[in-house]
């Protein structure tokens, strides 16, 4: 059984690599191609990601760099435009058995998947949709013998299958997803 690092990459606004949002869950399993195909089917069935371009790559999480993908699935199409700042996200937190450090993980999902209007706090419906992403995309209909796991990259070991998840009513910021400045205004203090 191997531990796989999966990169789910979604282009926003352009097809440039710097404009991709990447989410990286980890899995136990034996068949990286079947895992990639199952996650692609789940993403296609999920409302927020259905029909959107994406690339799924599966890597051996414990392989020393350089590590090349063991499996790749790509869905082409036009990159969707975002009406919200790309760096605004909502955090799907999860753990295995014990809710304590090194047994927890986090995935920062784009806010634009769940709302077109940012309010002060995410609504209950948004939080329910984020939990649905965990259940219906990351954990549902996986190939036999595969499961979503908590992985510690510092220890290079899996802590076991995800048993619980949660989302809170606070937006998060992922600065690396922001746009580059295109203009600047200056002023002088007299």
N, C-alpha and C. Protein backbone atom coordinates (compact mmCIF):
# COMPACT_ATOMS: atom_id res chain seq x y z
N UNK A 1 0.84 -1.18 0.00
CA UNK A 1 0.00 0.00 0.00
C UNK A 1 0.88 1.24 0.00
N UNK A 2 0.56 2.19 -0.83
CA UNK A 2 1.33 3.42 -0.94
C UNK A 2 0.54 4.60 -0.42
N UNK A 3 1.25 5.66 -0.08
CA UNK A 3 0.61 6.92 0.25
C UNK A 3 0.78 7.82 -0.96
N UNK A 4 -0.35 8.33 -1.47
CA UNK A 4 -0.34 9.17 -2.66
C UNK A 4 -0.66 10.62 -2.29
N UNK A 5 0.09 11.53 -2.87
CA UNK A 5 -0.23 12.95 -2.81
C UNK A 5 -0.95 13.25 -4.12
N UNK A 6 -2.15 13.81 -4.01
CA UNK A 6 -2.93 14.16 -5.19
C UNK A 6 -2.96 15.67 -5.33
N UNK A 7 -2.65 16.18 -6.50
CA UNK A 7 -2.82 17.61 -6.75
C UNK A 7 -4.03 17.80 -7.65
N UNK A 8 -5.00 18.55 -7.15
CA UNK A 8 -6.18 18.92 -7.91
C UNK A 8 -5.95 20.36 -8.33
N UNK A 9 -5.73 20.61 -9.62
CA UNK A 9 -5.38 21.94 -10.11
C UNK A 9 -6.51 22.49 -10.97
N UNK A 10 -6.91 23.72 -10.66
CA UNK A 10 -8.01 24.38 -11.35
C UNK A 10 -7.56 25.74 -11.84
N UNK A 11 -7.56 25.98 -13.17
CA UNK A 11 -7.20 27.31 -13.66
C UNK A 11 -8.34 28.31 -13.41
N UNK A 12 -7.98 29.54 -13.08
CA UNK A 12 -8.94 30.62 -12.90
C UNK A 12 -8.48 31.81 -13.73
N UNK A 13 -9.38 32.41 -14.47
CA UNK A 13 -9.17 33.63 -15.25
C UNK A 13 -8.27 33.45 -16.47
N UNK A 14 -7.17 32.72 -16.35
CA UNK A 14 -6.29 32.45 -17.49
C UNK A 14 -5.81 31.01 -17.41
N UNK A 15 -5.07 30.58 -18.42
CA UNK A 15 -4.51 29.23 -18.40
C UNK A 15 -3.07 29.22 -17.90
N UNK A 16 -2.58 30.37 -17.44
CA UNK A 16 -1.22 30.44 -16.93
C UNK A 16 -1.08 29.60 -15.66
N UNK A 17 0.04 28.89 -15.50
CA UNK A 17 0.25 28.08 -14.29
C UNK A 17 0.12 28.88 -12.99
N UNK A 18 0.52 30.16 -13.00
CA UNK A 18 0.44 30.97 -11.78
C UNK A 18 -1.00 31.28 -11.39
N UNK A 19 -1.95 31.09 -12.30
CA UNK A 19 -3.35 31.37 -12.04
C UNK A 19 -4.14 30.11 -11.69
N UNK A 20 -3.46 29.06 -11.30
CA UNK A 20 -4.14 27.83 -10.91
C UNK A 20 -4.29 27.75 -9.40
N UNK A 21 -5.44 27.26 -8.98
CA UNK A 21 -5.69 26.95 -7.57
C UNK A 21 -5.39 25.47 -7.42
N UNK A 22 -4.58 25.12 -6.42
CA UNK A 22 -4.20 23.73 -6.21
C UNK A 22 -4.63 23.29 -4.81
N UNK A 23 -5.22 22.11 -4.77
CA UNK A 23 -5.64 21.49 -3.51
C UNK A 23 -4.93 20.14 -3.45
N UNK A 24 -4.36 19.78 -2.29
CA UNK A 24 -3.52 18.57 -2.23
C UNK A 24 -3.93 17.61 -1.10
N UNK A 25 -4.95 16.80 -1.33
CA UNK A 25 -5.26 15.74 -0.36
C UNK A 25 -4.32 14.54 -0.53
N UNK A 26 -4.29 13.67 0.45
CA UNK A 26 -3.46 12.46 0.40
C UNK A 26 -4.35 11.23 0.55
N UNK A 27 -3.88 10.11 -0.01
CA UNK A 27 -4.66 8.87 -0.01
C UNK A 27 -3.76 7.66 0.20
N UNK A 28 -4.31 6.62 0.84
CA UNK A 28 -3.72 5.28 0.82
C UNK A 28 -4.27 4.60 -0.42
N UNK A 29 -3.48 3.74 -1.04
CA UNK A 29 -4.01 3.00 -2.16
C UNK A 29 -2.97 2.20 -2.89
N UNK A 30 -3.43 1.55 -3.97
CA UNK A 30 -2.55 0.69 -4.76
C UNK A 30 -2.63 0.99 -6.25
N UNK A 31 -3.62 1.80 -6.67
CA UNK A 31 -3.82 2.04 -8.10
C UNK A 31 -3.98 3.54 -8.36
N UNK A 32 -2.89 4.25 -8.67
CA UNK A 32 -2.98 5.69 -8.84
C UNK A 32 -3.89 6.12 -9.99
N UNK A 33 -3.93 5.34 -11.08
CA UNK A 33 -4.78 5.71 -12.22
C UNK A 33 -6.26 5.59 -11.85
N UNK A 34 -6.62 4.53 -11.15
CA UNK A 34 -8.02 4.36 -10.73
C UNK A 34 -8.42 5.45 -9.74
N UNK A 35 -7.51 5.84 -8.86
CA UNK A 35 -7.78 6.92 -7.91
C UNK A 35 -8.02 8.23 -8.65
N UNK A 36 -7.16 8.57 -9.61
CA UNK A 36 -7.33 9.80 -10.39
C UNK A 36 -8.65 9.79 -11.14
N UNK A 37 -9.02 8.66 -11.73
CA UNK A 37 -10.28 8.56 -12.47
C UNK A 37 -11.48 8.72 -11.54
N UNK A 38 -11.42 8.14 -10.35
CA UNK A 38 -12.52 8.26 -9.39
C UNK A 38 -12.69 9.71 -8.92
N UNK A 39 -11.58 10.38 -8.62
CA UNK A 39 -11.65 11.78 -8.19
C UNK A 39 -12.18 12.66 -9.32
N UNK A 40 -11.78 12.37 -10.56
CA UNK A 40 -12.28 13.13 -11.70
C UNK A 40 -13.80 12.95 -11.83
N UNK A 41 -14.28 11.73 -11.69
CA UNK A 41 -15.73 11.48 -11.75
C UNK A 41 -16.46 12.21 -10.63
N UNK A 42 -15.88 12.22 -9.43
CA UNK A 42 -16.50 12.94 -8.30
C UNK A 42 -16.53 14.44 -8.56
N UNK A 43 -15.46 14.99 -9.11
CA UNK A 43 -15.42 16.43 -9.43
C UNK A 43 -16.43 16.78 -10.51
N UNK A 44 -16.61 15.89 -11.47
CA UNK A 44 -17.58 16.14 -12.54
C UNK A 44 -19.01 16.09 -12.01
N UNK A 45 -19.25 15.30 -10.99
CA UNK A 45 -20.60 15.19 -10.41
C UNK A 45 -20.89 16.30 -9.40
N UNK A 46 -19.86 16.99 -8.92
CA UNK A 46 -20.04 18.01 -7.89
C UNK A 46 -20.35 19.35 -8.56
N UNK A 47 -21.39 20.03 -8.12
CA UNK A 47 -21.89 21.24 -8.76
C UNK A 47 -20.82 22.31 -8.97
N UNK A 48 -20.01 22.60 -7.98
CA UNK A 48 -19.04 23.70 -8.05
C UNK A 48 -17.92 23.45 -9.06
N UNK A 49 -17.63 22.19 -9.36
CA UNK A 49 -16.50 21.87 -10.24
C UNK A 49 -16.93 21.17 -11.54
N UNK A 50 -18.21 20.86 -11.68
CA UNK A 50 -18.69 20.16 -12.88
C UNK A 50 -18.43 20.99 -14.13
N UNK A 51 -17.88 20.35 -15.14
CA UNK A 51 -17.65 21.01 -16.42
C UNK A 51 -16.48 21.98 -16.44
N UNK A 52 -15.79 22.14 -15.33
CA UNK A 52 -14.68 23.08 -15.25
C UNK A 52 -13.38 22.38 -15.65
N UNK A 53 -12.46 23.11 -16.29
CA UNK A 53 -11.16 22.51 -16.61
C UNK A 53 -10.37 22.20 -15.34
N UNK A 54 -9.60 21.14 -15.39
CA UNK A 54 -8.82 20.73 -14.22
C UNK A 54 -7.77 19.72 -14.63
N UNK A 55 -6.78 19.56 -13.78
CA UNK A 55 -5.78 18.52 -13.94
C UNK A 55 -5.61 17.83 -12.59
N UNK A 56 -5.65 16.53 -12.62
CA UNK A 56 -5.45 15.72 -11.42
C UNK A 56 -4.16 14.94 -11.63
N UNK A 57 -3.24 15.08 -10.68
CA UNK A 57 -1.99 14.33 -10.75
C UNK A 57 -1.82 13.57 -9.44
N UNK A 58 -1.36 12.33 -9.56
CA UNK A 58 -1.15 11.47 -8.40
C UNK A 58 0.34 11.16 -8.30
N UNK A 59 0.92 11.47 -7.14
CA UNK A 59 2.35 11.26 -6.89
C UNK A 59 2.54 10.28 -5.74
N UNK A 60 3.71 9.65 -5.68
CA UNK A 60 4.10 8.88 -4.51
C UNK A 60 4.56 9.89 -3.46
N UNK A 61 3.81 10.02 -2.37
CA UNK A 61 4.09 11.04 -1.35
C UNK A 61 5.41 10.82 -0.64
N UNK A 62 5.91 9.59 -0.64
CA UNK A 62 7.12 9.29 0.11
C UNK A 62 8.36 9.17 -0.77
N UNK A 63 8.20 9.46 -2.04
CA UNK A 63 9.32 9.40 -2.99
C UNK A 63 10.14 10.68 -2.90
N UNK A 64 11.45 10.54 -2.91
CA UNK A 64 12.32 11.72 -2.85
C UNK A 64 12.25 12.50 -4.16
N UNK A 65 12.40 13.84 -4.10
CA UNK A 65 12.37 14.64 -5.32
C UNK A 65 13.54 14.26 -6.23
N UNK A 66 13.43 14.39 -7.52
CA UNK A 66 12.21 14.79 -8.21
C UNK A 66 11.23 13.62 -8.29
N UNK A 67 9.97 13.92 -8.08
CA UNK A 67 8.92 12.92 -8.13
C UNK A 67 8.02 13.24 -9.32
N UNK A 68 7.80 12.26 -10.16
CA UNK A 68 6.99 12.45 -11.35
C UNK A 68 5.62 11.84 -11.13
N UNK A 69 4.58 12.36 -11.78
CA UNK A 69 3.24 11.82 -11.58
C UNK A 69 3.15 10.34 -11.98
N UNK A 70 2.44 9.59 -11.14
CA UNK A 70 2.17 8.18 -11.45
C UNK A 70 0.93 8.06 -12.33
N UNK A 71 0.06 9.07 -12.24
CA UNK A 71 -1.16 9.10 -13.05
C UNK A 71 -1.58 10.55 -13.24
N UNK A 72 -2.17 10.84 -14.39
CA UNK A 72 -2.66 12.20 -14.69
C UNK A 72 -3.98 12.09 -15.44
N UNK A 73 -4.94 12.92 -15.01
CA UNK A 73 -6.22 13.05 -15.73
C UNK A 73 -6.43 14.54 -15.96
N UNK A 74 -6.75 14.91 -17.19
CA UNK A 74 -6.95 16.32 -17.53
C UNK A 74 -8.30 16.52 -18.20
N UNK A 75 -9.00 17.54 -17.76
CA UNK A 75 -10.24 17.97 -18.42
C UNK A 75 -9.98 19.36 -18.95
N UNK A 76 -10.10 19.54 -20.26
CA UNK A 76 -9.82 20.83 -20.87
C UNK A 76 -11.08 21.69 -20.91
N UNK A 77 -10.87 22.95 -21.21
CA UNK A 77 -11.98 23.88 -21.32
C UNK A 77 -11.50 25.29 -21.05
N UNK A 78 -12.43 26.21 -21.07
CA UNK A 78 -12.12 27.61 -20.82
C UNK A 78 -12.05 27.86 -19.32
N UNK A 79 -11.00 28.51 -18.89
CA UNK A 79 -10.84 28.83 -17.47
C UNK A 79 -11.96 29.78 -17.03
N UNK A 80 -12.65 29.46 -15.93
CA UNK A 80 -13.72 30.34 -15.49
C UNK A 80 -13.18 31.65 -14.94
N UNK A 81 -13.96 32.71 -15.11
CA UNK A 81 -13.60 34.01 -14.53
C UNK A 81 -14.13 34.05 -13.10
N UNK A 82 -13.35 34.64 -12.24
CA UNK A 82 -13.78 34.77 -10.86
C UNK A 82 -14.34 36.16 -10.63
N UNK A 83 -15.43 36.22 -9.91
CA UNK A 83 -16.01 37.51 -9.56
C UNK A 83 -15.54 37.98 -8.21
N UNK A 84 -14.77 37.14 -7.54
CA UNK A 84 -14.28 37.43 -6.20
C UNK A 84 -12.76 37.35 -6.20
N UNK A 85 -12.11 37.96 -5.23
CA UNK A 85 -10.65 37.79 -5.12
C UNK A 85 -10.31 36.31 -4.96
N UNK A 86 -9.37 35.83 -5.75
CA UNK A 86 -9.02 34.40 -5.72
C UNK A 86 -8.40 33.96 -4.40
N UNK A 87 -7.81 34.91 -3.67
CA UNK A 87 -7.16 34.50 -2.43
C UNK A 87 -8.13 34.25 -1.29
N UNK A 88 -9.41 34.59 -1.46
CA UNK A 88 -10.41 34.32 -0.42
C UNK A 88 -10.79 32.85 -0.51
N UNK A 89 -10.67 32.15 0.60
CA UNK A 89 -10.92 30.71 0.65
C UNK A 89 -11.71 30.37 1.90
N UNK A 90 -12.16 29.15 1.94
CA UNK A 90 -12.79 28.61 3.14
C UNK A 90 -12.08 27.29 3.43
N UNK A 91 -11.78 27.07 4.70
CA UNK A 91 -10.92 25.95 5.10
C UNK A 91 -11.75 24.72 5.49
N UNK A 92 -11.46 23.61 4.84
CA UNK A 92 -12.01 22.32 5.23
C UNK A 92 -10.94 21.65 6.09
N UNK A 93 -11.21 21.55 7.38
CA UNK A 93 -10.27 20.93 8.32
C UNK A 93 -10.71 19.50 8.59
N UNK A 94 -9.75 18.63 8.86
CA UNK A 94 -10.09 17.22 9.08
C UNK A 94 -9.05 16.59 10.00
N UNK A 95 -9.41 15.45 10.57
CA UNK A 95 -8.45 14.72 11.41
C UNK A 95 -8.76 13.23 11.39
N UNK A 96 -7.81 12.49 11.90
CA UNK A 96 -7.97 11.05 12.05
C UNK A 96 -7.89 10.69 13.52
N UNK A 97 -8.90 10.09 14.03
CA UNK A 97 -8.99 9.58 15.39
C UNK A 97 -8.89 10.65 16.47
N UNK A 98 -7.79 11.41 16.50
CA UNK A 98 -7.56 12.41 17.54
C UNK A 98 -7.47 13.80 16.93
N UNK A 99 -8.18 14.75 17.49
CA UNK A 99 -8.13 16.13 16.99
C UNK A 99 -6.99 16.85 17.69
N UNK A 100 -5.77 16.59 17.24
CA UNK A 100 -4.58 17.23 17.80
C UNK A 100 -3.52 17.35 16.72
N UNK A 101 -2.50 18.19 16.96
CA UNK A 101 -1.47 18.39 15.93
C UNK A 101 -0.90 17.06 15.43
N UNK A 102 -0.55 17.06 14.16
CA UNK A 102 0.00 15.92 13.42
C UNK A 102 -1.02 14.84 13.13
N UNK A 103 -2.23 15.00 13.62
CA UNK A 103 -3.34 14.11 13.28
C UNK A 103 -4.41 14.88 12.52
N UNK A 104 -4.09 16.17 12.16
CA UNK A 104 -5.04 17.05 11.48
C UNK A 104 -4.49 17.47 10.13
N UNK A 105 -5.41 17.91 9.29
CA UNK A 105 -5.03 18.47 8.00
C UNK A 105 -6.00 19.56 7.60
N UNK A 106 -5.63 20.34 6.57
CA UNK A 106 -6.49 21.44 6.09
C UNK A 106 -6.38 21.53 4.58
N UNK A 107 -7.51 21.84 3.96
CA UNK A 107 -7.55 22.13 2.54
C UNK A 107 -8.27 23.47 2.37
N UNK A 108 -7.69 24.38 1.61
CA UNK A 108 -8.28 25.70 1.41
C UNK A 108 -8.99 25.72 0.07
N UNK A 109 -10.32 25.74 0.12
CA UNK A 109 -11.14 25.68 -1.07
C UNK A 109 -11.53 27.10 -1.50
N UNK A 110 -11.55 27.39 -2.80
CA UNK A 110 -11.89 28.74 -3.26
C UNK A 110 -13.31 29.15 -2.86
N UNK A 111 -13.45 30.33 -2.30
CA UNK A 111 -14.77 30.84 -1.89
C UNK A 111 -15.71 30.93 -3.08
N UNK A 112 -15.18 31.23 -4.27
CA UNK A 112 -16.01 31.40 -5.46
C UNK A 112 -16.75 30.11 -5.84
N UNK A 113 -16.31 28.96 -5.37
CA UNK A 113 -17.03 27.72 -5.61
C UNK A 113 -18.36 27.68 -4.87
N UNK A 114 -18.44 28.44 -3.78
CA UNK A 114 -19.59 28.31 -2.88
C UNK A 114 -20.48 29.54 -2.81
N UNK A 115 -20.01 30.69 -3.31
CA UNK A 115 -20.81 31.91 -3.26
C UNK A 115 -20.34 32.88 -4.33
N UNK A 116 -21.25 33.73 -4.77
CA UNK A 116 -20.86 34.79 -5.71
C UNK A 116 -20.84 36.14 -5.00
N UNK A 117 -21.28 36.17 -3.75
CA UNK A 117 -21.30 37.40 -2.95
C UNK A 117 -20.69 37.10 -1.59
N UNK A 118 -19.60 37.80 -1.27
CA UNK A 118 -18.97 37.60 0.04
C UNK A 118 -19.70 38.41 1.09
N UNK A 119 -20.10 37.73 2.13
CA UNK A 119 -20.68 38.39 3.29
C UNK A 119 -19.62 38.40 4.37
N UNK A 120 -19.93 39.02 5.50
CA UNK A 120 -18.96 39.09 6.59
C UNK A 120 -18.48 37.70 6.98
N UNK A 121 -19.39 36.75 7.05
CA UNK A 121 -19.06 35.37 7.42
C UNK A 121 -19.73 34.39 6.46
N UNK A 122 -19.15 33.22 6.26
CA UNK A 122 -19.82 32.19 5.47
C UNK A 122 -21.14 31.79 6.13
N UNK A 123 -22.16 31.57 5.33
CA UNK A 123 -23.46 31.16 5.85
C UNK A 123 -23.44 29.67 6.19
N UNK A 124 -24.47 29.23 6.87
CA UNK A 124 -24.61 27.80 7.17
C UNK A 124 -24.68 26.97 5.90
N UNK A 125 -25.34 27.48 4.86
CA UNK A 125 -25.44 26.76 3.59
C UNK A 125 -24.06 26.60 2.94
N UNK A 126 -23.22 27.63 3.04
CA UNK A 126 -21.87 27.55 2.48
C UNK A 126 -21.06 26.51 3.25
N UNK A 127 -21.14 26.54 4.57
CA UNK A 127 -20.39 25.57 5.37
C UNK A 127 -20.85 24.14 5.07
N UNK A 128 -22.15 23.95 4.88
CA UNK A 128 -22.68 22.63 4.53
C UNK A 128 -22.13 22.19 3.17
N UNK A 129 -22.06 23.12 2.22
CA UNK A 129 -21.52 22.79 0.88
C UNK A 129 -20.05 22.40 0.96
N UNK A 130 -19.28 23.06 1.82
CA UNK A 130 -17.87 22.72 1.98
C UNK A 130 -17.72 21.31 2.56
N UNK A 131 -18.53 20.98 3.55
CA UNK A 131 -18.51 19.62 4.09
C UNK A 131 -18.92 18.62 3.01
N UNK A 132 -19.85 19.02 2.15
CA UNK A 132 -20.26 18.17 1.04
C UNK A 132 -19.12 17.90 0.07
N UNK A 133 -18.25 18.89 -0.13
CA UNK A 133 -17.07 18.67 -0.97
C UNK A 133 -16.21 17.55 -0.38
N UNK A 134 -15.99 17.60 0.93
CA UNK A 134 -15.21 16.55 1.58
C UNK A 134 -15.84 15.18 1.41
N UNK A 135 -17.14 15.11 1.64
CA UNK A 135 -17.85 13.83 1.56
C UNK A 135 -17.99 13.34 0.13
N UNK A 136 -18.45 14.22 -0.77
CA UNK A 136 -18.84 13.80 -2.11
C UNK A 136 -17.72 13.82 -3.15
N UNK A 137 -16.65 14.56 -2.88
CA UNK A 137 -15.53 14.59 -3.83
C UNK A 137 -14.33 13.82 -3.31
N UNK A 138 -13.92 14.11 -2.08
CA UNK A 138 -12.68 13.53 -1.57
C UNK A 138 -12.82 12.11 -1.03
N UNK A 139 -14.01 11.75 -0.54
CA UNK A 139 -14.15 10.47 0.14
C UNK A 139 -15.11 9.48 -0.53
N UNK A 140 -15.88 9.92 -1.51
CA UNK A 140 -16.95 9.09 -2.08
C UNK A 140 -16.45 8.25 -3.26
N UNK A 141 -16.98 7.04 -3.35
CA UNK A 141 -16.78 6.16 -4.51
C UNK A 141 -15.32 5.99 -4.92
N UNK A 142 -14.45 5.85 -3.94
CA UNK A 142 -13.04 5.61 -4.23
C UNK A 142 -12.84 4.15 -4.60
N UNK A 143 -11.78 3.84 -5.35
CA UNK A 143 -11.54 2.43 -5.69
C UNK A 143 -11.35 1.58 -4.43
N UNK A 144 -11.63 0.32 -4.58
CA UNK A 144 -11.47 -0.64 -3.48
C UNK A 144 -10.08 -0.51 -2.87
N UNK A 145 -9.99 -0.42 -1.54
CA UNK A 145 -8.71 -0.34 -0.85
C UNK A 145 -8.08 1.04 -0.80
N UNK A 146 -8.79 2.07 -1.26
CA UNK A 146 -8.28 3.44 -1.22
C UNK A 146 -9.06 4.24 -0.19
N UNK A 147 -8.36 5.13 0.52
CA UNK A 147 -9.07 6.05 1.41
C UNK A 147 -8.26 7.33 1.61
N UNK A 148 -9.00 8.40 1.89
CA UNK A 148 -8.45 9.72 2.17
C UNK A 148 -7.77 9.66 3.53
N UNK A 149 -6.54 10.16 3.62
CA UNK A 149 -5.77 10.05 4.86
C UNK A 149 -5.17 11.39 5.27
N UNK A 150 -4.78 11.45 6.54
CA UNK A 150 -4.00 12.57 7.05
C UNK A 150 -2.54 12.18 6.89
N UNK A 151 -1.76 13.05 6.24
CA UNK A 151 -0.36 12.75 5.99
C UNK A 151 0.50 13.86 6.57
N UNK A 152 1.56 13.49 7.26
CA UNK A 152 2.49 14.45 7.82
C UNK A 152 3.72 14.51 6.92
N UNK A 153 3.89 15.61 6.15
CA UNK A 153 5.06 15.70 5.28
C UNK A 153 6.37 15.84 6.05
N UNK A 154 6.32 16.37 7.27
CA UNK A 154 7.55 16.49 8.05
C UNK A 154 8.03 15.13 8.54
N UNK A 155 7.11 14.26 8.91
CA UNK A 155 7.47 12.92 9.37
C UNK A 155 7.46 11.90 8.24
N UNK A 156 6.89 12.30 7.09
CA UNK A 156 6.74 11.41 5.93
C UNK A 156 6.01 10.12 6.29
N UNK A 157 4.89 10.29 7.01
CA UNK A 157 4.10 9.13 7.43
C UNK A 157 2.62 9.52 7.46
N UNK A 158 1.78 8.54 7.13
CA UNK A 158 0.34 8.76 7.22
C UNK A 158 -0.12 8.44 8.63
N UNK A 159 -1.03 9.25 9.13
CA UNK A 159 -1.57 9.05 10.47
C UNK A 159 -2.85 8.23 10.46
N UNK A 160 -3.34 7.87 9.27
CA UNK A 160 -4.54 7.05 9.16
C UNK A 160 -5.64 7.76 8.40
N UNK A 161 -6.73 7.04 8.18
CA UNK A 161 -7.85 7.54 7.41
C UNK A 161 -8.57 8.69 8.10
N UNK A 162 -9.09 9.61 7.30
CA UNK A 162 -9.84 10.74 7.83
C UNK A 162 -11.11 10.21 8.49
N UNK A 163 -11.33 10.61 9.75
CA UNK A 163 -12.52 10.16 10.48
C UNK A 163 -13.52 11.28 10.70
N UNK A 164 -13.06 12.52 10.77
CA UNK A 164 -13.93 13.65 11.06
C UNK A 164 -13.45 14.87 10.27
N UNK A 165 -14.38 15.78 10.00
CA UNK A 165 -14.02 17.03 9.33
C UNK A 165 -14.92 18.14 9.86
N UNK A 166 -14.47 19.39 9.67
CA UNK A 166 -15.26 20.53 10.08
C UNK A 166 -14.89 21.75 9.26
N UNK A 167 -15.79 22.73 9.28
CA UNK A 167 -15.55 24.02 8.64
C UNK A 167 -16.14 25.06 9.58
N UNK A 168 -15.46 26.19 9.73
CA UNK A 168 -15.98 27.23 10.62
C UNK A 168 -16.49 28.42 9.81
N UNK A 169 -17.04 29.40 10.52
CA UNK A 169 -17.67 30.54 9.85
C UNK A 169 -16.72 31.72 9.70
N UNK A 170 -15.52 31.44 9.23
CA UNK A 170 -14.51 32.48 9.01
C UNK A 170 -13.86 32.24 7.65
N UNK A 171 -13.75 33.29 6.86
CA UNK A 171 -13.04 33.20 5.59
C UNK A 171 -11.54 33.11 5.86
N UNK A 172 -10.81 32.53 4.96
CA UNK A 172 -9.36 32.43 5.07
C UNK A 172 -8.74 33.11 3.85
N UNK A 173 -7.46 33.40 3.95
CA UNK A 173 -6.74 34.05 2.85
C UNK A 173 -5.55 33.18 2.45
N UNK A 174 -5.45 32.91 1.16
CA UNK A 174 -4.31 32.19 0.60
C UNK A 174 -3.61 33.18 -0.32
N UNK A 175 -2.62 33.88 0.19
CA UNK A 175 -2.00 34.99 -0.53
C UNK A 175 -1.40 34.56 -1.88
N UNK A 176 -0.91 33.35 -1.97
CA UNK A 176 -0.28 32.90 -3.22
C UNK A 176 -1.28 32.80 -4.37
N UNK A 177 -2.58 32.80 -4.10
CA UNK A 177 -3.59 32.72 -5.15
C UNK A 177 -3.99 34.09 -5.69
N UNK A 178 -3.47 35.16 -5.12
CA UNK A 178 -3.86 36.51 -5.53
C UNK A 178 -3.31 36.89 -6.89
N UNK A 179 -3.93 37.90 -7.47
CA UNK A 179 -3.48 38.42 -8.75
C UNK A 179 -2.25 39.29 -8.58
N UNK A 180 -1.44 39.41 -9.61
CA UNK A 180 -0.32 40.34 -9.61
C UNK A 180 -0.86 41.74 -9.91
N UNK A 181 -0.26 42.73 -9.30
CA UNK A 181 -0.69 44.11 -9.53
C UNK A 181 -0.42 44.50 -10.97
N UNK A 182 -1.33 45.26 -11.57
CA UNK A 182 -1.15 45.71 -12.95
C UNK A 182 -0.98 47.22 -13.05
N UNK A 183 -1.27 47.94 -12.01
CA UNK A 183 -1.12 49.39 -12.00
C UNK A 183 -0.86 49.85 -10.58
N UNK A 184 -0.35 51.08 -10.46
CA UNK A 184 -0.05 51.61 -9.13
C UNK A 184 -0.35 53.10 -9.11
N UNK A 185 -0.85 53.58 -8.01
CA UNK A 185 -1.02 55.02 -7.80
C UNK A 185 -0.14 55.43 -6.65
N UNK A 186 0.43 56.61 -6.75
CA UNK A 186 1.31 57.10 -5.70
C UNK A 186 0.83 58.45 -5.21
N UNK A 187 1.33 58.85 -4.09
CA UNK A 187 1.00 60.15 -3.53
C UNK A 187 2.16 60.65 -2.68
N UNK A 188 2.18 61.96 -2.43
CA UNK A 188 3.23 62.57 -1.61
C UNK A 188 2.58 63.22 -0.40
N UNK A 189 3.29 63.16 0.67
CA UNK A 189 2.86 63.85 1.89
C UNK A 189 3.55 65.22 1.89
N UNK A 190 2.77 66.33 1.97
CA UNK A 190 3.40 67.64 1.92
C UNK A 190 3.71 68.14 3.31
